[in-house]
Amino acid sequence: VGKRATLWMLELCLDAQALLSYTETLPFLGVKGTTGTQASF
């Protein structure tokens, strides 16, 4: 029964690792202006 539960856990661990990596590296748009050229700034 415990080994079967690890199959559920493995998939959830993969999801958590993917989300953790995404969250830690998520970039900001910042200030880019109307077409991304920052001309106004």
Full PDB file with SEQRES, HELIX, SHEET, SSBOND, CRYST1, ORIGX, SCALE, CONECT and MASTER records, all heavy atoms in Angstrom:
SEQRES   1 A   41  VAL GLY LYS ARG ALA THR LEU TRP MET LEU GLU LEU CYS          
SEQRES   2 A   41  LEU ASP ALA GLN ALA LEU LEU SER TYR THR GLU THR LEU          
SEQRES   3 A   41  PRO PHE LEU GLY VAL LYS GLY THR THR GLY THR GLN ALA          
SEQRES   4 A   41  SER PHE                                                      
HELIX    1 AA1 GLY A    2  THR A   25  1                                  24    
CRYST1    1.000    1.000    1.000  90.00  90.00  90.00 P 1           1          
ORIGX1      1.000000  0.000000  0.000000        0.00000                         
ORIGX2      0.000000  1.000000  0.000000        0.00000                         
ORIGX3      0.000000  0.000000  1.000000        0.00000                         
SCALE1      1.000000  0.000000  0.000000        0.00000                         
SCALE2      0.000000  1.000000  0.000000        0.00000                         
SCALE3      0.000000  0.000000  1.000000        0.00000                         
ATOM      1  N   VAL A   1       0.838  -1.197   0.000  1.00  0.00           N  
ATOM      2  CA  VAL A   1       0.000   0.000   0.000  1.00  0.00           C  
ATOM      3  C   VAL A   1       0.879   1.255   0.000  1.00  0.00           C  
ATOM      4  O   VAL A   1       0.616   2.228  -0.714  1.00  0.00           O  
ATOM      5  CB  VAL A   1      -0.949  -0.009   1.220  1.00  0.00           C  
ATOM      6  CG1 VAL A   1      -1.700   1.317   1.332  1.00  0.00           C  
ATOM      7  CG2 VAL A   1      -1.931  -1.177   1.119  1.00  0.00           C  
ATOM      8  N   GLY A   2       1.943   1.215   0.793  1.00  0.00           N  
ATOM      9  CA  GLY A   2       2.847   2.363   0.846  1.00  0.00           C  
ATOM     10  C   GLY A   2       3.574   2.602  -0.462  1.00  0.00           C  
ATOM     11  O   GLY A   2       3.755   3.746  -0.883  1.00  0.00           O  
ATOM     12  N   LYS A   3       4.002   1.512  -1.117  1.00  0.00           N  
ATOM     13  CA  LYS A   3       4.699   1.669  -2.395  1.00  0.00           C  
ATOM     14  C   LYS A   3       3.764   2.289  -3.431  1.00  0.00           C  
ATOM     15  O   LYS A   3       4.182   3.151  -4.225  1.00  0.00           O  
ATOM     16  CB  LYS A   3       5.203   0.313  -2.887  1.00  0.00           C  
ATOM     17  CG  LYS A   3       5.734   0.290  -4.322  1.00  0.00           C  
ATOM     18  CD  LYS A   3       6.938   1.191  -4.507  1.00  0.00           C  
ATOM     19  CE  LYS A   3       7.301   1.351  -5.991  1.00  0.00           C  
ATOM     20  NZ  LYS A   3       7.626   0.099  -6.652  1.00  0.00           N  
ATOM     21  N   ARG A   4       2.503   1.884  -3.452  1.00  0.00           N  
ATOM     22  CA  ARG A   4       1.561   2.471  -4.402  1.00  0.00           C  
ATOM     23  C   ARG A   4       1.410   3.975  -4.148  1.00  0.00           C  
ATOM     24  O   ARG A   4       1.330   4.765  -5.095  1.00  0.00           O  
ATOM     25  CB  ARG A   4       0.199   1.778  -4.288  1.00  0.00           C  
ATOM     26  CG  ARG A   4      -0.849   2.378  -5.214  1.00  0.00           C  
ATOM     27  CD  ARG A   4      -2.121   1.575  -5.192  1.00  0.00           C  
ATOM     28  NE  ARG A   4      -1.963   0.329  -5.931  1.00  0.00           N  
ATOM     29  CZ  ARG A   4      -2.524  -0.833  -5.584  1.00  0.00           C  
ATOM     30  NH1 ARG A   4      -3.262  -0.900  -4.494  1.00  0.00           N  
ATOM     31  NH2 ARG A   4      -2.341  -1.905  -6.316  1.00  0.00           N  
ATOM     32  N   ALA A   5       1.397   4.372  -2.894  1.00  0.00           N  
ATOM     33  CA  ALA A   5       1.284   5.803  -2.573  1.00  0.00           C  
ATOM     34  C   ALA A   5       2.488   6.582  -3.089  1.00  0.00           C  
ATOM     35  O   ALA A   5       2.363   7.762  -3.435  1.00  0.00           O  
ATOM     36  CB  ALA A   5       1.130   5.990  -1.067  1.00  0.00           C  
ATOM     37  N   THR A   6       3.658   5.934  -3.141  1.00  0.00           N  
ATOM     38  CA  THR A   6       4.834   6.639  -3.664  1.00  0.00           C  
ATOM     39  C   THR A   6       4.671   6.965  -5.142  1.00  0.00           C  
ATOM     40  O   THR A   6       5.271   7.937  -5.628  1.00  0.00           O  
ATOM     41  CB  THR A   6       6.130   5.840  -3.470  1.00  0.00           C  
ATOM     42  OG1 THR A   6       6.089   4.629  -4.253  1.00  0.00           O  
ATOM     43  CG2 THR A   6       6.370   5.520  -2.007  1.00  0.00           C  
ATOM     44  N   LEU A   7       3.876   6.184  -5.862  1.00  0.00           N  
ATOM     45  CA  LEU A   7       3.634   6.500  -7.270  1.00  0.00           C  
ATOM     46  C   LEU A   7       2.856   7.802  -7.395  1.00  0.00           C  
ATOM     47  O   LEU A   7       3.110   8.613  -8.297  1.00  0.00           O  
ATOM     48  CB  LEU A   7       2.879   5.356  -7.953  1.00  0.00           C  
ATOM     49  CG  LEU A   7       3.543   3.974  -7.926  1.00  0.00           C  
ATOM     50  CD1 LEU A   7       2.712   2.976  -8.731  1.00  0.00           C  
ATOM     51  CD2 LEU A   7       4.967   4.028  -8.461  1.00  0.00           C  
ATOM     52  N   TRP A   8       1.903   8.012  -6.497  1.00  0.00           N  
ATOM     53  CA  TRP A   8       1.172   9.282  -6.483  1.00  0.00           C  
ATOM     54  C   TRP A   8       2.138  10.420  -6.120  1.00  0.00           C  
ATOM     55  O   TRP A   8       2.128  11.489  -6.734  1.00  0.00           O  
ATOM     56  CB  TRP A   8       0.044   9.251  -5.448  1.00  0.00           C  
ATOM     57  CG  TRP A   8      -0.924   8.127  -5.592  1.00  0.00           C  
ATOM     58  CD1 TRP A   8      -1.227   7.435  -6.734  1.00  0.00           C  
ATOM     59  CD2 TRP A   8      -1.734   7.548  -4.557  1.00  0.00           C  
ATOM     60  NE1 TRP A   8      -2.165   6.462  -6.468  1.00  0.00           N  
ATOM     61  CE2 TRP A   8      -2.502   6.511  -5.149  1.00  0.00           C  
ATOM     62  CE3 TRP A   8      -1.888   7.794  -3.199  1.00  0.00           C  
ATOM     63  CZ2 TRP A   8      -3.399   5.725  -4.414  1.00  0.00           C  
ATOM     64  CZ3 TRP A   8      -2.788   7.028  -2.457  1.00  0.00           C  
ATOM     65  CH2 TRP A   8      -3.529   6.014  -3.076  1.00  0.00           C  
ATOM     66  N   MET A   9       2.964  10.148  -5.125  1.00  0.00           N  
ATOM     67  CA  MET A   9       3.868  11.175  -4.618  1.00  0.00           C  
ATOM     68  C   MET A   9       4.909  11.579  -5.648  1.00  0.00           C  
ATOM     69  O   MET A   9       5.271  12.749  -5.752  1.00  0.00           O  
ATOM     70  CB  MET A   9       4.560  10.681  -3.350  1.00  0.00           C  
ATOM     71  CG  MET A   9       3.635  10.454  -2.179  1.00  0.00           C  
ATOM     72  SD  MET A   9       4.491   9.683  -0.801  1.00  0.00           S  
ATOM     73  CE  MET A   9       5.624  10.998  -0.357  1.00  0.00           C  
ATOM     74  N   LEU A  10       5.413  10.611  -6.400  1.00  0.00           N  
ATOM     75  CA  LEU A  10       6.442  10.922  -7.388  1.00  0.00           C  
ATOM     76  C   LEU A  10       5.936  11.957  -8.383  1.00  0.00           C  
ATOM     77  O   LEU A  10       6.634  12.927  -8.701  1.00  0.00           O  
ATOM     78  CB  LEU A  10       6.870   9.656  -8.122  1.00  0.00           C  
ATOM     79  CG  LEU A  10       7.859   9.876  -9.284  1.00  0.00           C  
ATOM     80  CD1 LEU A  10       9.158  10.490  -8.770  1.00  0.00           C  
ATOM     81  CD2 LEU A  10       8.118   8.584 -10.037  1.00  0.00           C  
ATOM     82  N   GLU A  11       4.720  11.759  -8.872  1.00  0.00           N  
ATOM     83  CA  GLU A  11       4.171  12.711  -9.841  1.00  0.00           C  
ATOM     84  C   GLU A  11       3.986  14.083  -9.207  1.00  0.00           C  
ATOM     85  O   GLU A  11       4.274  15.111  -9.831  1.00  0.00           O  
ATOM     86  CB  GLU A  11       2.849  12.173 -10.393  1.00  0.00           C  
ATOM     87  CG  GLU A  11       3.034  10.877 -11.189  1.00  0.00           C  
ATOM     88  CD  GLU A  11       1.773  10.450 -11.922  1.00  0.00           C  
ATOM     89  OE1 GLU A  11       0.717  11.076 -11.707  1.00  0.00           O  
ATOM     90  OE2 GLU A  11       1.853   9.493 -12.706  1.00  0.00           O  
ATOM     91  N   LEU A  12       3.524  14.117  -7.960  1.00  0.00           N  
ATOM     92  CA  LEU A  12       3.346  15.394  -7.277  1.00  0.00           C  
ATOM     93  C   LEU A  12       4.688  16.075  -7.013  1.00  0.00           C  
ATOM     94  O   LEU A  12       4.799  17.300  -7.062  1.00  0.00           O  
ATOM     95  CB  LEU A  12       2.585  15.182  -5.966  1.00  0.00           C  
ATOM     96  CG  LEU A  12       1.115  14.772  -6.128  1.00  0.00           C  
ATOM     97  CD1 LEU A  12       0.545  14.263  -4.810  1.00  0.00           C  
ATOM     98  CD2 LEU A  12       0.282  15.961  -6.631  1.00  0.00           C  
ATOM     99  N   CYS A  13       5.715  15.275  -6.738  1.00  0.00           N  
ATOM    100  CA  CYS A  13       7.058  15.836  -6.545  1.00  0.00           C  
ATOM    101  C   CYS A  13       7.565  16.467  -7.838  1.00  0.00           C  
ATOM    102  O   CYS A  13       8.175  17.546  -7.821  1.00  0.00           O  
ATOM    103  CB  CYS A  13       8.026  14.753  -6.076  1.00  0.00           C  
ATOM    104  SG  CYS A  13       7.809  14.263  -4.349  1.00  0.00           S  
ATOM    105  N   LEU A  14       7.320  15.805  -8.961  1.00  0.00           N  
ATOM    106  CA  LEU A  14       7.720  16.374 -10.245  1.00  0.00           C  
ATOM    107  C   LEU A  14       6.996  17.694 -10.501  1.00  0.00           C  
ATOM    108  O   LEU A  14       7.593  18.661 -10.988  1.00  0.00           O  
ATOM    109  CB  LEU A  14       7.430  15.379 -11.372  1.00  0.00           C  
ATOM    110  CG  LEU A  14       8.261  14.086 -11.372  1.00  0.00           C  
ATOM    111  CD1 LEU A  14       7.749  13.122 -12.437  1.00  0.00           C  
ATOM    112  CD2 LEU A  14       9.736  14.391 -11.603  1.00  0.00           C  
ATOM    113  N   ASP A  15       5.712  17.729 -10.154  1.00  0.00           N  
ATOM    114  CA  ASP A  15       4.944  18.975 -10.307  1.00  0.00           C  
ATOM    115  C   ASP A  15       5.506  20.078  -9.414  1.00  0.00           C  
ATOM    116  O   ASP A  15       5.657  21.224  -9.848  1.00  0.00           O  
ATOM    117  CB  ASP A  15       3.471  18.741  -9.951  1.00  0.00           C  
ATOM    118  CG  ASP A  15       2.796  17.723 -10.851  1.00  0.00           C  
ATOM    119  OD1 ASP A  15       3.133  17.684 -12.042  1.00  0.00           O  
ATOM    120  OD2 ASP A  15       1.948  16.973 -10.351  1.00  0.00           O  
ATOM    121  N   ALA A  16       5.797  19.731  -8.167  1.00  0.00           N  
ATOM    122  CA  ALA A  16       6.318  20.718  -7.224  1.00  0.00           C  
ATOM    123  C   ALA A  16       7.676  21.250  -7.678  1.00  0.00           C  
ATOM    124  O   ALA A  16       7.953  22.454  -7.583  1.00  0.00           O  
ATOM    125  CB  ALA A  16       6.425  20.114  -5.824  1.00  0.00           C  
ATOM    126  N   GLN A  17       8.517  20.361  -8.184  1.00  0.00           N  
ATOM    127  CA  GLN A  17       9.830  20.787  -8.669  1.00  0.00           C  
ATOM    128  C   GLN A  17       9.685  21.727  -9.861  1.00  0.00           C  
ATOM    129  O   GLN A  17      10.401  22.740  -9.964  1.00  0.00           O  
ATOM    130  CB  GLN A  17      10.667  19.563  -9.041  1.00  0.00           C  
ATOM    131  CG  GLN A  17      11.130  18.759  -7.838  1.00  0.00           C  
ATOM    132  CD  GLN A  17      11.606  17.361  -8.195  1.00  0.00           C  
ATOM    133  OE1 GLN A  17      11.470  16.913  -9.341  1.00  0.00           O  
ATOM    134  NE2 GLN A  17      12.158  16.662  -7.235  1.00  0.00           N  
ATOM    135  N   ALA A  18       8.752  21.414 -10.758  1.00  0.00           N  
ATOM    136  CA  ALA A  18       8.532  22.275 -11.930  1.00  0.00           C  
ATOM    137  C   ALA A  18       8.010  23.640 -11.502  1.00  0.00           C  
ATOM    138  O   ALA A  18       8.460  24.682 -12.005  1.00  0.00           O  
ATOM    139  CB  ALA A  18       7.553  21.605 -12.889  1.00  0.00           C  
ATOM    140  N   LEU A  19       7.065  23.658 -10.567  1.00  0.00           N  
ATOM    141  CA  LEU A  19       6.492  24.924 -10.110  1.00  0.00           C  
ATOM    142  C   LEU A  19       7.519  25.728  -9.321  1.00  0.00           C  
ATOM    143  O   LEU A  19       7.579  26.962  -9.440  1.00  0.00           O  
ATOM    144  CB  LEU A  19       5.247  24.662  -9.261  1.00  0.00           C  
ATOM    145  CG  LEU A  19       4.495  25.902  -8.771  1.00  0.00           C  
ATOM    146  CD1 LEU A  19       4.110  26.816  -9.923  1.00  0.00           C  
ATOM    147  CD2 LEU A  19       3.264  25.507  -7.960  1.00  0.00           C  
ATOM    148  N   LEU A  20       8.328  25.049  -8.520  1.00  0.00           N  
ATOM    149  CA  LEU A  20       9.357  25.739  -7.747  1.00  0.00           C  
ATOM    150  C   LEU A  20      10.367  26.413  -8.676  1.00  0.00           C  
ATOM    151  O   LEU A  20      10.719  27.587  -8.490  1.00  0.00           O  
ATOM    152  CB  LEU A  20      10.063  24.743  -6.833  1.00  0.00           C  
ATOM    153  CG  LEU A  20      11.133  25.293  -5.895  1.00  0.00           C  
ATOM    154  CD1 LEU A  20      10.551  26.330  -4.947  1.00  0.00           C  
ATOM    155  CD2 LEU A  20      11.781  24.158  -5.113  1.00  0.00           C  
ATOM    156  N   SER A  21      10.798  25.692  -9.700  1.00  0.00           N  
ATOM    157  CA  SER A  21      11.745  26.252 -10.661  1.00  0.00           C  
ATOM    158  C   SER A  21      11.127  27.444 -11.389  1.00  0.00           C  
ATOM    159  O   SER A  21      11.786  28.486 -11.570  1.00  0.00           O  
ATOM    160  CB  SER A  21      12.166  25.175 -11.671  1.00  0.00           C  
ATOM    161  OG  SER A  21      13.006  25.712 -12.662  1.00  0.00           O  
ATOM    162  N   TYR A  22       9.875  27.304 -11.792  1.00  0.00           N  
ATOM    163  CA  TYR A  22       9.177  28.393 -12.488  1.00  0.00           C  
ATOM    164  C   TYR A  22       9.088  29.627 -11.592  1.00  0.00           C  
ATOM    165  O   TYR A  22       9.370  30.750 -12.033  1.00  0.00           O  
ATOM    166  CB  TYR A  22       7.786  27.927 -12.895  1.00  0.00           C  
ATOM    167  CG  TYR A  22       6.922  28.987 -13.541  1.00  0.00           C  
ATOM    168  CD1 TYR A  22       6.906  29.170 -14.915  1.00  0.00           C  
ATOM    169  CD2 TYR A  22       6.107  29.821 -12.767  1.00  0.00           C  
ATOM    170  CE1 TYR A  22       6.113  30.156 -15.506  1.00  0.00           C  
ATOM    171  CE2 TYR A  22       5.318  30.802 -13.335  1.00  0.00           C  
ATOM    172  CZ  TYR A  22       5.325  30.967 -14.720  1.00  0.00           C  
ATOM    173  OH  TYR A  22       4.543  31.938 -15.281  1.00  0.00           O  
ATOM    174  N   THR A  23       8.690  29.424 -10.344  1.00  0.00           N  
ATOM    175  CA  THR A  23       8.484  30.540  -9.427  1.00  0.00           C  
ATOM    176  C   THR A  23       9.793  31.260  -9.117  1.00  0.00           C  
ATOM    177  O   THR A  23       9.839  32.492  -9.048  1.00  0.00           O  
ATOM    178  CB  THR A  23       7.840  30.037  -8.117  1.00  0.00           C  
ATOM    179  OG1 THR A  23       6.626  29.330  -8.431  1.00  0.00           O  
ATOM    180  CG2 THR A  23       7.506  31.181  -7.175  1.00  0.00           C  
ATOM    181  N   GLU A  24      10.855  30.480  -8.925  1.00  0.00           N  
ATOM    182  CA  GLU A  24      12.143  31.074  -8.557  1.00  0.00           C  
ATOM    183  C   GLU A  24      12.776  31.850  -9.714  1.00  0.00           C  
ATOM    184  O   GLU A  24      13.601  32.738  -9.491  1.00  0.00           O  
ATOM    185  CB  GLU A  24      13.104  29.984  -8.084  1.00  0.00           C  
ATOM    186  CG  GLU A  24      12.723  29.389  -6.738  1.00  0.00           C  
ATOM    187  CD  GLU A  24      13.643  28.266  -6.297  1.00  0.00           C  
ATOM    188  OE1 GLU A  24      14.293  27.640  -7.180  1.00  0.00           O  
ATOM    189  OE2 GLU A  24      13.716  27.997  -5.082  1.00  0.00           O  
ATOM    190  N   THR A  25      12.407  31.521 -10.930  1.00  0.00           N  
ATOM    191  CA  THR A  25      13.041  32.165 -12.093  1.00  0.00           C  
ATOM    192  C   THR A  25      12.087  33.081 -12.863  1.00  0.00           C  
ATOM    193  O   THR A  25      12.467  33.642 -13.888  1.00  0.00           O  
ATOM    194  CB  THR A  25      13.592  31.108 -13.062  1.00  0.00           C  
ATOM    195  OG1 THR A  25      12.515  30.255 -13.507  1.00  0.00           O  
ATOM    196  CG2 THR A  25      14.654  30.255 -12.390  1.00  0.00           C  
ATOM    197  N   LEU A  26      10.857  33.253 -12.361  1.00  0.00           N  
ATOM    198  CA  LEU A  26       9.876  34.074 -13.079  1.00  0.00           C  
ATOM    199  C   LEU A  26      10.378  35.509 -13.204  1.00  0.00           C  
ATOM    200  O   LEU A  26      10.661  36.164 -12.198  1.00  0.00           O  
ATOM    201  CB  LEU A  26       8.534  34.048 -12.341  1.00  0.00           C  
ATOM    202  CG  LEU A  26       7.385  34.825 -12.996  1.00  0.00           C  
ATOM    203  CD1 LEU A  26       6.993  34.206 -14.326  1.00  0.00           C  
ATOM    204  CD2 LEU A  26       6.178  34.881 -12.053  1.00  0.00           C  
ATOM    205  N   PRO A  27      10.487  36.030 -14.428  1.00  0.00           N  
ATOM    206  CA  PRO A  27      10.979  37.400 -14.599  1.00  0.00           C  
ATOM    207  C   PRO A  27       9.846  38.425 -14.546  1.00  0.00           C  
ATOM    208  O   PRO A  27       8.677  38.096 -14.708  1.00  0.00           O  
ATOM    209  CB  PRO A  27      11.610  37.356 -15.994  1.00  0.00           C  
ATOM    210  CG  PRO A  27      10.756  36.369 -16.740  1.00  0.00           C  
ATOM    211  CD  PRO A  27      10.314  35.338 -15.718  1.00  0.00           C  
ATOM    212  N   PHE A  28      10.226  39.650 -14.330  1.00  0.00           N  
ATOM    213  CA  PHE A  28       9.305  40.788 -14.329  1.00  0.00           C  
ATOM    214  C   PHE A  28       9.321  41.414 -15.721  1.00  0.00           C  
ATOM    215  O   PHE A  28      10.339  41.355 -16.426  1.00  0.00           O  
ATOM    216  CB  PHE A  28       9.792  41.813 -13.306  1.00  0.00           C  
ATOM    217  CG  PHE A  28       8.712  42.635 -12.662  1.00  0.00           C  
ATOM    218  CD1 PHE A  28       7.553  42.057 -12.165  1.00  0.00           C  
ATOM    219  CD2 PHE A  28       8.874  44.013 -12.507  1.00  0.00           C  
ATOM    220  CE1 PHE A  28       6.580  42.811 -11.543  1.00  0.00           C  
ATOM    221  CE2 PHE A  28       7.910  44.785 -11.886  1.00  0.00           C  
ATOM    222  CZ  PHE A  28       6.755  44.185 -11.401  1.00  0.00           C  
ATOM    223  N   LEU A  29       8.211  42.020 -16.124  1.00  0.00           N  
ATOM    224  CA  LEU A  29       8.227  42.790 -17.366  1.00  0.00           C  
ATOM    225  C   LEU A  29       9.079  44.039 -17.199  1.00  0.00           C  
ATOM    226  O   LEU A  29       9.843  44.411 -18.090  1.00  0.00           O  
ATOM    227  CB  LEU A  29       6.802  43.180 -17.774  1.00  0.00           C  
ATOM    228  CG  LEU A  29       6.701  44.176 -18.946  1.00  0.00           C  
ATOM    229  CD1 LEU A  29       7.266  43.563 -20.230  1.00  0.00           C  
ATOM    230  CD2 LEU A  29       5.256  44.622 -19.144  1.00  0.00           C  
ATOM    231  N   GLY A  30       8.952  44.672 -16.031  1.00  0.00           N  
ATOM    232  CA  GLY A  30       9.696  45.898 -15.792  1.00  0.00           C  
ATOM    233  C   GLY A  30       9.075  47.078 -16.508  1.00  0.00           C  
ATOM    234  O   GLY A  30       7.852  47.158 -16.670  1.00  0.00           O  
ATOM    235  N   VAL A  31       9.896  48.013 -16.956  1.00  0.00           N  
ATOM    236  CA  VAL A  31       9.414  49.197 -17.676  1.00  0.00           C  
ATOM    237  C   VAL A  31       9.943  49.140 -19.108  1.00  0.00           C  
ATOM    238  O   VAL A  31      11.121  49.336 -19.355  1.00  0.00           O  
ATOM    239  CB  VAL A  31       9.845  50.508 -16.967  1.00  0.00           C  
ATOM    240  CG1 VAL A  31       9.063  50.683 -15.685  1.00  0.00           C  
ATOM    241  CG2 VAL A  31      11.340  50.511 -16.634  1.00  0.00           C  
ATOM    242  N   LYS A  32       9.057  48.832 -20.038  1.00  0.00           N  
ATOM    243  CA  LYS A  32       9.486  48.604 -21.414  1.00  0.00           C  
ATOM    244  C   LYS A  32       8.864  49.577 -22.422  1.00  0.00           C  
ATOM    245  O   LYS A  32       9.290  49.644 -23.554  1.00  0.00           O  
ATOM    246  CB  LYS A  32       9.148  47.163 -21.831  1.00  0.00           C  
ATOM    247  CG  LYS A  32       9.921  46.077 -21.064  1.00  0.00           C  
ATOM    248  CD  LYS A  32      11.411  46.158 -21.311  1.00  0.00           C  
ATOM    249  CE  LYS A  32      12.136  44.898 -20.844  1.00  0.00           C  
ATOM    250  NZ  LYS A  32      12.130  44.739 -19.381  1.00  0.00           N  
ATOM    251  N   GLY A  33       7.818  50.295 -22.019  1.00  0.00           N  
ATOM    252  CA  GLY A  33       7.223  51.259 -22.940  1.00  0.00           C  
ATOM    253  C   GLY A  33       6.227  50.644 -23.899  1.00  0.00           C  
ATOM    254  O   GLY A  33       5.894  49.460 -23.822  1.00  0.00           O  
ATOM    255  N   THR A  34       5.758  51.451 -24.852  1.00  0.00           N  
ATOM    256  CA  THR A  34       4.605  51.067 -25.676  1.00  0.00           C  
ATOM    257  C   THR A  34       4.876  49.909 -26.634  1.00  0.00           C  
ATOM    258  O   THR A  34       3.985  49.108 -26.899  1.00  0.00           O  
ATOM    259  CB  THR A  34       4.127  52.282 -26.482  1.00  0.00           C  
ATOM    260  OG1 THR A  34       5.238  52.802 -27.223  1.00  0.00           O  
ATOM    261  CG2 THR A  34       3.572  53.353 -25.574  1.00  0.00           C  
ATOM    262  N   THR A  35       6.068  49.836 -27.179  1.00  0.00           N  
ATOM    263  CA  THR A  35       6.385  48.704 -28.066  1.00  0.00           C  
ATOM    264  C   THR A  35       7.622  47.951 -27.595  1.00  0.00           C  
ATOM    265  O   THR A  35       8.225  47.193 -28.346  1.00  0.00           O  
ATOM    266  CB  THR A  35       6.604  49.176 -29.516  1.00  0.00           C  
ATOM    267  OG1 THR A  35       7.642  50.174 -29.547  1.00  0.00           O  
ATOM    268  CG2 THR A  35       5.316  49.719 -30.118  1.00  0.00           C  
ATOM    269  N   GLY A  36       8.006  48.182 -26.359  1.00  0.00           N  
ATOM    270  CA  GLY A  36       9.136  47.469 -25.794  1.00  0.00           C  
ATOM    271  C   GLY A  36      10.478  48.120 -26.024  1.00  0.00           C  
ATOM    272  O   GLY A  36      11.515  47.578 -25.622  1.00  0.00           O  
ATOM    273  N   THR A  37      10.499  49.307 -26.649  1.00  0.00           N  
ATOM    274  CA  THR A  37      11.775  49.962 -26.973  1.00  0.00           C  
ATOM    275  C   THR A  37      12.250  50.907 -25.876  1.00  0.00           C  
ATOM    276  O   THR A  37      13.364  51.417 -25.949  1.00  0.00           O  
ATOM    277  CB  THR A  37      11.647  50.767 -28.269  1.00  0.00           C  
ATOM    278  OG1 THR A  37      10.725  51.854 -28.059  1.00  0.00           O  
ATOM    279  CG2 THR A  37      11.167  49.890 -29.417  1.00  0.00           C  
ATOM    280  N   GLN A  38      11.403  51.168 -24.896  1.00  0.00           N  
ATOM    281  CA  GLN A  38      11.707  52.089 -23.788  1.00  0.00           C  
ATOM    282  C   GLN A  38      11.953  53.524 -24.282  1.00  0.00           C  
ATOM    283  O   GLN A  38      12.625  54.317 -23.623  1.00  0.00           O  
ATOM    284  CB  GLN A  38      12.919  51.594 -22.978  1.00  0.00           C  
ATOM    285  CG  GLN A  38      12.676  50.219 -22.355  1.00  0.00           C  
ATOM    286  CD  GLN A  38      13.902  49.675 -21.650  1.00  0.00           C  
ATOM    287  OE1 GLN A  38      14.970  49.606 -22.250  1.00  0.00           O  
ATOM    288  NE2 GLN A  38      13.742  49.280 -20.395  1.00  0.00           N  
ATOM    289  N   ALA A  39      11.390  53.849 -25.452  1.00  0.00           N  
ATOM    290  CA  ALA A  39      11.629  55.171 -26.045  1.00  0.00           C  
ATOM    291  C   ALA A  39      11.160  56.302 -25.145  1.00  0.00           C  
ATOM    292  O   ALA A  39      11.842  57.339 -25.019  1.00  0.00           O  
ATOM    293  CB  ALA A  39      10.927  55.257 -27.405  1.00  0.00           C  
ATOM    294  N   SER A  40      10.002  56.135 -24.491  1.00  0.00           N  
ATOM    295  CA  SER A  40       9.481  57.204 -23.638  1.00  0.00           C  
ATOM    296  C   SER A  40      10.417  57.473 -22.464  1.00  0.00           C  
ATOM    297  O   SER A  40      10.629  58.627 -22.065  1.00  0.00           O  
ATOM    298  CB  SER A  40       8.085  56.842 -23.129  1.00  0.00           C  
ATOM    299  OG  SER A  40       8.116  55.621 -22.409  1.00  0.00           O  
ATOM    300  N   PHE A  41      10.979  56.423 -21.896  1.00  0.00           N  
ATOM    301  CA  PHE A  41      11.885  56.591 -20.769  1.00  0.00           C  
ATOM    302  C   PHE A  41      13.230  57.164 -21.220  1.00  0.00           C  
ATOM    303  O   PHE A  41      13.858  57.950 -20.501  1.00  0.00           O  
ATOM    304  CB  PHE A  41      12.077  55.250 -20.048  1.00  0.00           C  
ATOM    305  CG  PHE A  41      10.806  54.729 -19.451  1.00  0.00           C  
ATOM    306  CD1 PHE A  41      10.094  53.704 -20.052  1.00  0.00           C  
ATOM    307  CD2 PHE A  41      10.290  55.295 -18.291  1.00  0.00           C  
ATOM    308  CE1 PHE A  41       8.908  53.237 -19.509  1.00  0.00           C  
ATOM    309  CE2 PHE A  41       9.098  54.832 -17.732  1.00  0.00           C  
ATOM    310  CZ  PHE A  41       8.405  53.806 -18.344  1.00  0.00           C  
TER     311      PHE A  41                                                      
MASTER        0    0    0    1    0    0    0    6  310    1    0    4          
END                                                                             
